[in-house]
All heavy atoms as atom14 arrays in JSON, in Angstrom:
{
  "sequence": "NGVPHIHSFICVPDGIRFCEAEQCRNGPLVLFAGIKDLKLMKTTQS",
  "atom14_mask": [
    [1, 1, 1, 1, 1, 1, 1, 1, 0, 0, 0, 0, 0, 0],
    [1, 1, 1, 1, 0, 0, 0, 0, 0, 0, 0, 0, 0, 0],
    [1, 1, 1, 1, 1, 1, 1, 0, 0, 0, 0, 0, 0, 0],
    [1, 1, 1, 1, 1, 1, 1, 0, 0, 0, 0, 0, 0, 0],
    [1, 1, 1, 1, 1, 1, 1, 1, 1, 1, 0, 0, 0, 0],
    [1, 1, 1, 1, 1, 1, 1, 1, 0, 0, 0, 0, 0, 0],
    [1, 1, 1, 1, 1, 1, 1, 1, 1, 1, 0, 0, 0, 0],
    [1, 1, 1, 1, 1, 1, 0, 0, 0, 0, 0, 0, 0, 0],
    [1, 1, 1, 1, 1, 1, 1, 1, 1, 1, 1, 0, 0, 0],
    [1, 1, 1, 1, 1, 1, 1, 1, 0, 0, 0, 0, 0, 0],
    [1, 1, 1, 1, 1, 1, 0, 0, 0, 0, 0, 0, 0, 0],
    [1, 1, 1, 1, 1, 1, 1, 0, 0, 0, 0, 0, 0, 0],
    [1, 1, 1, 1, 1, 1, 1, 0, 0, 0, 0, 0, 0, 0],
    [1, 1, 1, 1, 1, 1, 1, 1, 0, 0, 0, 0, 0, 0],
    [1, 1, 1, 1, 0, 0, 0, 0, 0, 0, 0, 0, 0, 0],
    [1, 1, 1, 1, 1, 1, 1, 1, 0, 0, 0, 0, 0, 0],
    [1, 1, 1, 1, 1, 1, 1, 1, 1, 1, 1, 0, 0, 0],
    [1, 1, 1, 1, 1, 1, 1, 1, 1, 1, 1, 0, 0, 0],
    [1, 1, 1, 1, 1, 1, 0, 0, 0, 0, 0, 0, 0, 0],
    [1, 1, 1, 1, 1, 1, 1, 1, 1, 0, 0, 0, 0, 0],
    [1, 1, 1, 1, 1, 0, 0, 0, 0, 0, 0, 0, 0, 0],
    [1, 1, 1, 1, 1, 1, 1, 1, 1, 0, 0, 0, 0, 0],
    [1, 1, 1, 1, 1, 1, 1, 1, 1, 0, 0, 0, 0, 0],
    [1, 1, 1, 1, 1, 1, 0, 0, 0, 0, 0, 0, 0, 0],
    [1, 1, 1, 1, 1, 1, 1, 1, 1, 1, 1, 0, 0, 0],
    [1, 1, 1, 1, 1, 1, 1, 1, 0, 0, 0, 0, 0, 0],
    [1, 1, 1, 1, 0, 0, 0, 0, 0, 0, 0, 0, 0, 0],
    [1, 1, 1, 1, 1, 1, 1, 0, 0, 0, 0, 0, 0, 0],
    [1, 1, 1, 1, 1, 1, 1, 1, 0, 0, 0, 0, 0, 0],
    [1, 1, 1, 1, 1, 1, 1, 0, 0, 0, 0, 0, 0, 0],
    [1, 1, 1, 1, 1, 1, 1, 1, 0, 0, 0, 0, 0, 0],
    [1, 1, 1, 1, 1, 1, 1, 1, 1, 1, 1, 0, 0, 0],
    [1, 1, 1, 1, 1, 0, 0, 0, 0, 0, 0, 0, 0, 0],
    [1, 1, 1, 1, 0, 0, 0, 0, 0, 0, 0, 0, 0, 0],
    [1, 1, 1, 1, 1, 1, 1, 1, 0, 0, 0, 0, 0, 0],
    [1, 1, 1, 1, 1, 1, 1, 1, 1, 0, 0, 0, 0, 0],
    [1, 1, 1, 1, 1, 1, 1, 1, 0, 0, 0, 0, 0, 0],
    [1, 1, 1, 1, 1, 1, 1, 1, 0, 0, 0, 0, 0, 0],
    [1, 1, 1, 1, 1, 1, 1, 1, 1, 0, 0, 0, 0, 0],
    [1, 1, 1, 1, 1, 1, 1, 1, 0, 0, 0, 0, 0, 0],
    [1, 1, 1, 1, 1, 1, 1, 1, 0, 0, 0, 0, 0, 0],
    [1, 1, 1, 1, 1, 1, 1, 1, 1, 0, 0, 0, 0, 0],
    [1, 1, 1, 1, 1, 1, 1, 0, 0, 0, 0, 0, 0, 0],
    [1, 1, 1, 1, 1, 1, 1, 0, 0, 0, 0, 0, 0, 0],
    [1, 1, 1, 1, 1, 1, 1, 1, 1, 0, 0, 0, 0, 0],
    [1, 1, 1, 1, 1, 1, 0, 0, 0, 0, 0, 0, 0, 0]
  ],
  "atom14_positions": [
    [[-168.57, -166.82, 30.3], [-168.94, -166.43, 29.05], [-169.22, -164.85, 28.99], [-170.09, -164.29, 28.48], [-170.31, -167.0, 28.52], [-170.18, -168.49, 28.43], [-169.16, -169.06, 28.03], [-171.22, -169.21, 28.89], [0.0, 0.0, 0.0], [0.0, 0.0, 0.0], [0.0, 0.0, 0.0], [0.0, 0.0, 0.0], [0.0, 0.0, 0.0], [0.0, 0.0, 0.0]],
    [[-168.19, -164.18, 29.78], [-168.24, -162.68, 29.77], [-169.22, -162.15, 30.75], [-169.27, -160.88, 30.92], [0.0, 0.0, 0.0], [0.0, 0.0, 0.0], [0.0, 0.0, 0.0], [0.0, 0.0, 0.0], [0.0, 0.0, 0.0], [0.0, 0.0, 0.0], [0.0, 0.0, 0.0], [0.0, 0.0, 0.0], [0.0, 0.0, 0.0], [0.0, 0.0, 0.0]],
    [[-169.92, -162.93, 31.37], [-170.95, -162.4, 32.43], [-170.39, -162.57, 33.83], [-169.93, -163.68, 34.26], [-172.27, -163.27, 32.28], [-173.24, -162.68, 33.3], [-172.82, -163.12, 30.88], [0.0, 0.0, 0.0], [0.0, 0.0, 0.0], [0.0, 0.0, 0.0], [0.0, 0.0, 0.0], [0.0, 0.0, 0.0], [0.0, 0.0, 0.0], [0.0, 0.0, 0.0]],
    [[-170.35, -161.45, 34.63], [-169.83, -161.57, 36.01], [-170.79, -162.35, 36.87], [-171.99, -162.07, 36.9], [-169.78, -160.0, 36.42], [-170.7, -159.33, 35.52], [-170.64, -160.06, 34.26], [0.0, 0.0, 0.0], [0.0, 0.0, 0.0], [0.0, 0.0, 0.0], [0.0, 0.0, 0.0], [0.0, 0.0, 0.0], [0.0, 0.0, 0.0], [0.0, 0.0, 0.0]],
    [[-170.1, -163.18, 37.64], [-170.96, -164.12, 38.45], [-171.29, -163.23, 39.8], [-170.53, -162.38, 40.26], [-170.18, -165.38, 39.02], [-171.04, -166.46, 39.46], [-171.56, -166.48, 40.69], [-171.34, -167.59, 38.89], [-172.31, -167.6, 40.9], [-172.09, -168.29, 39.76], [0.0, 0.0, 0.0], [0.0, 0.0, 0.0], [0.0, 0.0, 0.0], [0.0, 0.0, 0.0]],
    [[-172.52, -163.48, 40.35], [-172.96, -162.75, 41.55], [-172.34, -163.13, 42.71], [-172.2, -162.25, 43.74], [-174.5, -162.73, 41.64], [-175.04, -164.23, 41.82], [-175.18, -162.17, 40.43], [-176.47, -164.32, 42.11], [0.0, 0.0, 0.0], [0.0, 0.0, 0.0], [0.0, 0.0, 0.0], [0.0, 0.0, 0.0], [0.0, 0.0, 0.0], [0.0, 0.0, 0.0]],
    [[-171.82, -164.32, 42.86], [-171.22, -164.68, 44.32], [-170.08, -165.65, 44.17], [-169.65, -166.27, 45.17], [-172.27, -165.31, 45.11], [-173.0, -166.55, 44.56], [-174.2, -166.64, 44.31], [-172.48, -167.7, 44.24], [-174.5, -167.91, 43.82], [-173.41, -168.55, 43.8], [0.0, 0.0, 0.0], [0.0, 0.0, 0.0], [0.0, 0.0, 0.0], [0.0, 0.0, 0.0]],
    [[-169.36, -165.9, 42.94], [-168.29, -166.68, 42.89], [-167.0, -165.94, 42.51], [-167.11, -164.94, 41.68], [-168.63, -167.83, 41.86], [-169.52, -168.71, 42.39], [0.0, 0.0, 0.0], [0.0, 0.0, 0.0], [0.0, 0.0, 0.0], [0.0, 0.0, 0.0], [0.0, 0.0, 0.0], [0.0, 0.0, 0.0], [0.0, 0.0, 0.0], [0.0, 0.0, 0.0]],
    [[-165.92, -166.35, 42.98], [-164.6, -165.67, 42.84], [-163.53, -166.53, 42.54], [-163.68, -167.84, 42.83], [-164.34, -164.77, 44.12], [-165.32, -163.89, 44.35], [-166.5, -164.22, 45.24], [-165.37, -162.5, 44.08], [-167.49, -163.36, 45.52], [-166.3, -161.68, 44.37], [-167.43, -162.02, 45.1], [0.0, 0.0, 0.0], [0.0, 0.0, 0.0], [0.0, 0.0, 0.0]],
    [[-162.35, -166.02, 41.93], [-161.2, -166.82, 41.69], [-159.93, -166.18, 42.2], [-159.89, -164.82, 42.05], [-161.07, -167.09, 40.16], [-159.82, -168.05, 39.88], [-160.95, -165.88, 39.38], [-159.8, -168.44, 38.43], [0.0, 0.0, 0.0], [0.0, 0.0, 0.0], [0.0, 0.0, 0.0], [0.0, 0.0, 0.0], [0.0, 0.0, 0.0], [0.0, 0.0, 0.0]],
    [[-159.14, -166.82, 42.74], [-157.86, -166.17, 43.35], [-156.79, -166.11, 42.25], [-156.41, -167.07, 41.69], [-157.35, -167.02, 44.52], [-156.04, -166.06, 45.44], [0.0, 0.0, 0.0], [0.0, 0.0, 0.0], [0.0, 0.0, 0.0], [0.0, 0.0, 0.0], [0.0, 0.0, 0.0], [0.0, 0.0, 0.0], [0.0, 0.0, 0.0], [0.0, 0.0, 0.0]],
    [[-156.44, -164.96, 41.84], [-155.44, -164.69, 40.74], [-154.23, -164.06, 41.29], [-154.23, -162.83, 41.57], [-156.14, -163.83, 39.73], [-155.14, -163.67, 38.49], [-157.54, -164.4, 39.16], [0.0, 0.0, 0.0], [0.0, 0.0, 0.0], [0.0, 0.0, 0.0], [0.0, 0.0, 0.0], [0.0, 0.0, 0.0], [0.0, 0.0, 0.0], [0.0, 0.0, 0.0]],
    [[-153.16, -164.82, 41.39], [-152.01, -164.3, 41.99], [-151.12, -163.5, 41.06], [-149.94, -163.91, 40.64], [-151.19, -165.57, 42.46], [-151.67, -166.7, 41.54], [-153.11, -166.23, 41.05], [0.0, 0.0, 0.0], [0.0, 0.0, 0.0], [0.0, 0.0, 0.0], [0.0, 0.0, 0.0], [0.0, 0.0, 0.0], [0.0, 0.0, 0.0], [0.0, 0.0, 0.0]],
    [[-151.6, -162.36, 40.57], [-150.95, -161.49, 39.67], [-150.5, -160.2, 40.37], [-150.63, -159.14, 39.76], [-151.76, -161.28, 38.4], [-153.09, -160.53, 38.76], [-153.38, -160.45, 39.79], [-153.81, -160.11, 37.7], [0.0, 0.0, 0.0], [0.0, 0.0, 0.0], [0.0, 0.0, 0.0], [0.0, 0.0, 0.0], [0.0, 0.0, 0.0], [0.0, 0.0, 0.0]],
    [[-150.03, -160.28, 41.7], [-149.66, -159.16, 42.27], [-150.47, -158.98, 43.56], [-151.66, -159.0, 43.39], [0.0, 0.0, 0.0], [0.0, 0.0, 0.0], [0.0, 0.0, 0.0], [0.0, 0.0, 0.0], [0.0, 0.0, 0.0], [0.0, 0.0, 0.0], [0.0, 0.0, 0.0], [0.0, 0.0, 0.0], [0.0, 0.0, 0.0], [0.0, 0.0, 0.0]],
    [[-149.88, -158.69, 44.69], [-150.61, -158.47, 45.94], [-150.65, -157.06, 46.32], [-149.57, -156.45, 46.35], [-150.05, -159.33, 47.1], [-150.15, -160.81, 46.75], [-150.72, -158.94, 48.44], [-149.52, -161.75, 47.79], [0.0, 0.0, 0.0], [0.0, 0.0, 0.0], [0.0, 0.0, 0.0], [0.0, 0.0, 0.0], [0.0, 0.0, 0.0], [0.0, 0.0, 0.0]],
    [[-151.79, -156.55, 46.46], [-151.96, -155.09, 46.89], [-151.69, -154.94, 48.22], [-152.32, -155.72, 49.14], [-153.34, -154.62, 46.38], [-153.61, -153.06, 46.79], [-154.94, -152.73, 46.17], [-155.34, -151.38, 46.49], [-156.36, -150.69, 46.13], [-157.28, -151.29, 45.36], [-156.63, -149.51, 46.51], [0.0, 0.0, 0.0], [0.0, 0.0, 0.0], [0.0, 0.0, 0.0]],
    [[-151.1, -153.88, 48.76], [-150.99, -153.6, 50.12], [-150.88, -152.06, 50.32], [-150.75, -151.34, 49.44], [-149.77, -154.28, 50.69], [-148.44, -153.62, 50.22], [-147.79, -152.57, 50.86], [-147.79, -154.03, 49.01], [-146.6, -152.04, 50.46], [-146.56, -153.65, 48.56], [-146.03, -152.42, 49.27], [0.0, 0.0, 0.0], [0.0, 0.0, 0.0], [0.0, 0.0, 0.0]],
    [[-151.11, -151.58, 51.59], [-150.92, -150.23, 51.95], [-150.49, -150.15, 53.35], [-150.49, -151.18, 54.22], [-152.25, -149.49, 51.78], [-153.46, -149.78, 53.0], [0.0, 0.0, 0.0], [0.0, 0.0, 0.0], [0.0, 0.0, 0.0], [0.0, 0.0, 0.0], [0.0, 0.0, 0.0], [0.0, 0.0, 0.0], [0.0, 0.0, 0.0], [0.0, 0.0, 0.0]],
    [[-150.0, -148.95, 53.78], [-149.5, -148.74, 55.12], [-149.85, -147.31, 55.5], [-149.45, -146.31, 54.75], [-147.98, -148.99, 55.21], [-147.37, -148.91, 56.46], [-145.84, -149.32, 56.41], [-145.48, -150.56, 56.4], [-144.99, -148.42, 56.41], [0.0, 0.0, 0.0], [0.0, 0.0, 0.0], [0.0, 0.0, 0.0], [0.0, 0.0, 0.0], [0.0, 0.0, 0.0]],
    [[-150.34, -147.04, 56.79], [-150.68, -145.8, 57.17], [-149.96, -145.59, 58.51], [-149.92, -146.48, 59.33], [-152.16, -145.56, 57.32], [0.0, 0.0, 0.0], [0.0, 0.0, 0.0], [0.0, 0.0, 0.0], [0.0, 0.0, 0.0], [0.0, 0.0, 0.0], [0.0, 0.0, 0.0], [0.0, 0.0, 0.0], [0.0, 0.0, 0.0], [0.0, 0.0, 0.0]],
    [[-149.31, -144.45, 58.87], [-148.76, -144.15, 60.11], [-148.95, -142.74, 60.55], [-149.1, -141.82, 59.69], [-147.3, -144.52, 60.01], [-146.36, -143.76, 59.0], [-144.96, -144.11, 59.07], [-144.54, -144.89, 60.0], [-144.16, -143.68, 58.16], [0.0, 0.0, 0.0], [0.0, 0.0, 0.0], [0.0, 0.0, 0.0], [0.0, 0.0, 0.0], [0.0, 0.0, 0.0]],
    [[-149.12, -142.57, 61.85], [-149.32, -141.28, 62.31], [-148.78, -141.15, 63.66], [-148.85, -141.93, 64.6], [-150.88, -141.02, 62.38], [-151.22, -139.62, 62.82], [-152.79, -139.49, 62.8], [-153.5, -140.27, 62.6], [-153.11, -138.07, 62.86], [0.0, 0.0, 0.0], [0.0, 0.0, 0.0], [0.0, 0.0, 0.0], [0.0, 0.0, 0.0], [0.0, 0.0, 0.0]],
    [[-148.1, -139.97, 63.93], [-147.69, -139.56, 65.29], [-148.68, -138.62, 65.86], [-149.39, -137.81, 65.18], [-146.38, -138.91, 65.24], [-144.96, -140.0, 64.88], [0.0, 0.0, 0.0], [0.0, 0.0, 0.0], [0.0, 0.0, 0.0], [0.0, 0.0, 0.0], [0.0, 0.0, 0.0], [0.0, 0.0, 0.0], [0.0, 0.0, 0.0], [0.0, 0.0, 0.0]],
    [[-148.83, -138.62, 67.12], [-149.82, -137.69, 67.76], [-149.41, -136.17, 67.4], [-148.21, -135.88, 67.51], [-149.81, -137.91, 69.23], [-150.93, -137.05, 69.99], [-151.23, -137.57, 71.35], [-151.82, -138.88, 71.37], [-153.11, -139.17, 70.98], [-153.99, -138.08, 70.78], [-153.57, -140.42, 71.02], [0.0, 0.0, 0.0], [0.0, 0.0, 0.0], [0.0, 0.0, 0.0]],
    [[-150.34, -135.49, 67.09], [-150.22, -133.97, 66.64], [-149.4, -133.9, 65.39], [-148.84, -132.83, 65.01], [-149.45, -133.25, 67.7], [-150.18, -133.21, 69.04], [-151.46, -133.09, 69.06], [-149.41, -133.39, 70.16], [0.0, 0.0, 0.0], [0.0, 0.0, 0.0], [0.0, 0.0, 0.0], [0.0, 0.0, 0.0], [0.0, 0.0, 0.0], [0.0, 0.0, 0.0]],
    [[-149.33, -134.99, 64.62], [-148.65, -134.94, 63.34], [-149.57, -135.49, 62.25], [-150.71, -136.08, 62.52], [0.0, 0.0, 0.0], [0.0, 0.0, 0.0], [0.0, 0.0, 0.0], [0.0, 0.0, 0.0], [0.0, 0.0, 0.0], [0.0, 0.0, 0.0], [0.0, 0.0, 0.0], [0.0, 0.0, 0.0], [0.0, 0.0, 0.0], [0.0, 0.0, 0.0]],
    [[-149.2, -135.3, 60.94], [-149.94, -135.76, 59.8], [-150.09, -137.19, 59.67], [-149.08, -137.92, 60.02], [-149.41, -135.07, 58.57], [-147.94, -135.04, 59.07], [-147.85, -134.7, 60.52], [0.0, 0.0, 0.0], [0.0, 0.0, 0.0], [0.0, 0.0, 0.0], [0.0, 0.0, 0.0], [0.0, 0.0, 0.0], [0.0, 0.0, 0.0], [0.0, 0.0, 0.0]],
    [[-151.13, -137.7, 59.12], [-151.22, -139.08, 58.67], [-150.55, -139.29, 57.44], [-150.92, -138.57, 56.46], [-152.64, -139.58, 58.6], [-152.91, -141.2, 58.47], [-154.14, -141.57, 59.35], [-152.94, -141.63, 57.13], [0.0, 0.0, 0.0], [0.0, 0.0, 0.0], [0.0, 0.0, 0.0], [0.0, 0.0, 0.0], [0.0, 0.0, 0.0], [0.0, 0.0, 0.0]],
    [[-149.53, -140.12, 57.29], [-148.84, -140.37, 56.09], [-149.15, -141.75, 55.58], [-149.36, -142.73, 56.29], [-147.27, -140.35, 56.28], [-146.55, -140.57, 55.0], [-146.87, -138.97, 56.9], [0.0, 0.0, 0.0], [0.0, 0.0, 0.0], [0.0, 0.0, 0.0], [0.0, 0.0, 0.0], [0.0, 0.0, 0.0], [0.0, 0.0, 0.0], [0.0, 0.0, 0.0]],
    [[-149.44, -141.78, 54.21], [-149.91, -143.05, 53.59], [-149.03, -143.5, 52.51], [-148.54, -142.68, 51.76], [-151.35, -142.69, 52.97], [-152.26, -143.9, 52.56], [-152.59, -144.84, 53.73], [-153.44, -143.37, 51.88], [0.0, 0.0, 0.0], [0.0, 0.0, 0.0], [0.0, 0.0, 0.0], [0.0, 0.0, 0.0], [0.0, 0.0, 0.0], [0.0, 0.0, 0.0]],
    [[-148.81, -144.92, 52.54], [-148.16, -145.58, 51.48], [-148.99, -146.67, 50.98], [-149.86, -147.17, 51.46], [-146.88, -146.18, 52.08], [-145.82, -145.35, 52.8], [-146.06, -145.1, 54.16], [-144.88, -144.75, 52.16], [-145.35, -144.18, 54.84], [-143.9, -143.9, 52.88], [-144.13, -143.59, 54.21], [0.0, 0.0, 0.0], [0.0, 0.0, 0.0], [0.0, 0.0, 0.0]],
    [[-148.66, -146.98, 49.63], [-149.35, -148.17, 49.15], [-148.4, -148.85, 48.13], [-147.34, -148.36, 47.84], [-150.62, -147.6, 48.23], [0.0, 0.0, 0.0], [0.0, 0.0, 0.0], [0.0, 0.0, 0.0], [0.0, 0.0, 0.0], [0.0, 0.0, 0.0], [0.0, 0.0, 0.0], [0.0, 0.0, 0.0], [0.0, 0.0, 0.0], [0.0, 0.0, 0.0]],
    [[-148.82, -149.99, 47.63], [-147.95, -150.66, 46.79], [-148.5, -152.03, 46.27], [-149.61, -152.43, 46.54], [0.0, 0.0, 0.0], [0.0, 0.0, 0.0], [0.0, 0.0, 0.0], [0.0, 0.0, 0.0], [0.0, 0.0, 0.0], [0.0, 0.0, 0.0], [0.0, 0.0, 0.0], [0.0, 0.0, 0.0], [0.0, 0.0, 0.0], [0.0, 0.0, 0.0]],
    [[-147.59, -152.67, 45.55], [-147.83, -154.07, 44.98], [-146.6, -154.83, 45.15], [-145.47, -154.34, 45.0], [-148.33, -153.96, 43.54], [-148.64, -155.24, 42.85], [-147.21, -153.23, 42.65], [-149.31, -155.18, 41.51], [0.0, 0.0, 0.0], [0.0, 0.0, 0.0], [0.0, 0.0, 0.0], [0.0, 0.0, 0.0], [0.0, 0.0, 0.0], [0.0, 0.0, 0.0]],
    [[-146.82, -156.16, 45.53], [-145.71, -157.05, 45.64], [-146.02, -158.4, 45.14], [-147.05, -158.7, 44.72], [-145.31, -157.23, 47.16], [-146.34, -157.81, 48.04], [-145.85, -158.12, 49.49], [-146.85, -158.96, 50.23], [-146.41, -159.12, 51.59], [0.0, 0.0, 0.0], [0.0, 0.0, 0.0], [0.0, 0.0, 0.0], [0.0, 0.0, 0.0], [0.0, 0.0, 0.0]],
    [[-144.9, -159.19, 44.94], [-145.08, -160.52, 44.38], [-145.74, -160.55, 42.96], [-146.45, -161.49, 42.67], [-145.89, -161.43, 45.33], [-145.36, -161.62, 46.61], [-144.19, -161.4, 46.84], [-146.08, -161.98, 47.65], [0.0, 0.0, 0.0], [0.0, 0.0, 0.0], [0.0, 0.0, 0.0], [0.0, 0.0, 0.0], [0.0, 0.0, 0.0], [0.0, 0.0, 0.0]],
    [[-145.33, -159.39, 42.26], [-145.84, -159.41, 40.79], [-144.7, -160.04, 39.95], [-143.55, -159.53, 39.73], [-146.03, -157.97, 40.46], [-146.46, -157.66, 39.0], [-147.8, -158.34, 38.79], [-146.6, -156.19, 38.7], [0.0, 0.0, 0.0], [0.0, 0.0, 0.0], [0.0, 0.0, 0.0], [0.0, 0.0, 0.0], [0.0, 0.0, 0.0], [0.0, 0.0, 0.0]],
    [[-144.95, -161.21, 39.41], [-144.02, -161.85, 38.5], [-144.08, -161.56, 37.07], [-145.2, -161.65, 36.58], [-144.12, -163.36, 38.73], [-143.88, -163.83, 40.14], [-144.01, -165.3, 40.32], [-143.56, -165.78, 41.7], [-143.61, -167.26, 41.94], [0.0, 0.0, 0.0], [0.0, 0.0, 0.0], [0.0, 0.0, 0.0], [0.0, 0.0, 0.0], [0.0, 0.0, 0.0]],
    [[-143.09, -161.1, 36.55], [-143.07, -160.49, 35.1], [-141.87, -161.29, 34.33], [-140.94, -161.56, 34.89], [-142.79, -159.09, 35.08], [-143.79, -158.18, 35.92], [-143.36, -156.79, 36.04], [-145.13, -158.22, 35.21], [0.0, 0.0, 0.0], [0.0, 0.0, 0.0], [0.0, 0.0, 0.0], [0.0, 0.0, 0.0], [0.0, 0.0, 0.0], [0.0, 0.0, 0.0]],
    [[-142.26, -161.48, 32.95], [-141.3, -162.02, 32.17], [-141.42, -161.48, 30.77], [-142.42, -161.32, 30.3], [-141.42, -163.56, 32.08], [-140.49, -164.14, 31.07], [-140.96, -165.97, 30.81], [-140.33, -166.69, 32.33], [0.0, 0.0, 0.0], [0.0, 0.0, 0.0], [0.0, 0.0, 0.0], [0.0, 0.0, 0.0], [0.0, 0.0, 0.0], [0.0, 0.0, 0.0]],
    [[-140.29, -161.29, 30.06], [-140.26, -161.07, 28.61], [-139.12, -161.97, 28.09], [-138.03, -161.94, 28.59], [-140.23, -159.58, 28.16], [-139.06, -158.89, 28.6], [-139.22, -157.38, 28.07], [-138.01, -156.53, 28.45], [-138.21, -155.11, 27.85], [0.0, 0.0, 0.0], [0.0, 0.0, 0.0], [0.0, 0.0, 0.0], [0.0, 0.0, 0.0], [0.0, 0.0, 0.0]],
    [[-139.46, -162.58, 27.01], [-138.55, -163.58, 26.31], [-137.53, -163.07, 25.41], [-136.61, -163.87, 25.0], [-139.4, -164.74, 25.76], [-140.21, -164.24, 24.69], [-140.26, -165.43, 26.75], [0.0, 0.0, 0.0], [0.0, 0.0, 0.0], [0.0, 0.0, 0.0], [0.0, 0.0, 0.0], [0.0, 0.0, 0.0], [0.0, 0.0, 0.0], [0.0, 0.0, 0.0]],
    [[-137.54, -161.87, 25.15], [-136.57, -161.19, 24.31], [-136.61, -159.67, 24.58], [-137.19, -159.19, 25.49], [-136.82, -161.47, 22.76], [-135.68, -160.94, 22.06], [-138.06, -160.86, 22.23], [0.0, 0.0, 0.0], [0.0, 0.0, 0.0], [0.0, 0.0, 0.0], [0.0, 0.0, 0.0], [0.0, 0.0, 0.0], [0.0, 0.0, 0.0], [0.0, 0.0, 0.0]],
    [[-135.87, -158.94, 23.69], [-135.72, -157.43, 23.93], [-135.11, -157.1, 25.24], [-135.43, -156.17, 25.92], [-137.16, -156.77, 23.78], [-137.65, -156.59, 22.44], [-136.93, -155.53, 21.54], [-135.76, -155.61, 21.49], [-137.68, -154.65, 21.03], [0.0, 0.0, 0.0], [0.0, 0.0, 0.0], [0.0, 0.0, 0.0], [0.0, 0.0, 0.0], [0.0, 0.0, 0.0]],
    [[-134.14, -157.96, 25.66], [-133.38, -157.66, 26.85], [-131.92, -158.16, 26.72], [-131.7, -159.22, 25.98], [-133.99, -158.38, 28.07], [-133.1, -158.31, 29.24], [0.0, 0.0, 0.0], [0.0, 0.0, 0.0], [0.0, 0.0, 0.0], [0.0, 0.0, 0.0], [0.0, 0.0, 0.0], [0.0, 0.0, 0.0], [0.0, 0.0, 0.0], [0.0, 0.0, 0.0]]
  ]
}
């Protein structure tokens, strides 16, 4: 009813968040992020 529960959760598969960090010694840390398995549909205008 619009009120956030204090300890209950629901798994909503509307895209999985991920990230990737990599570093060589004496080099900068490079960071990537992303989203995968995001299923999208539109039924017209295509």
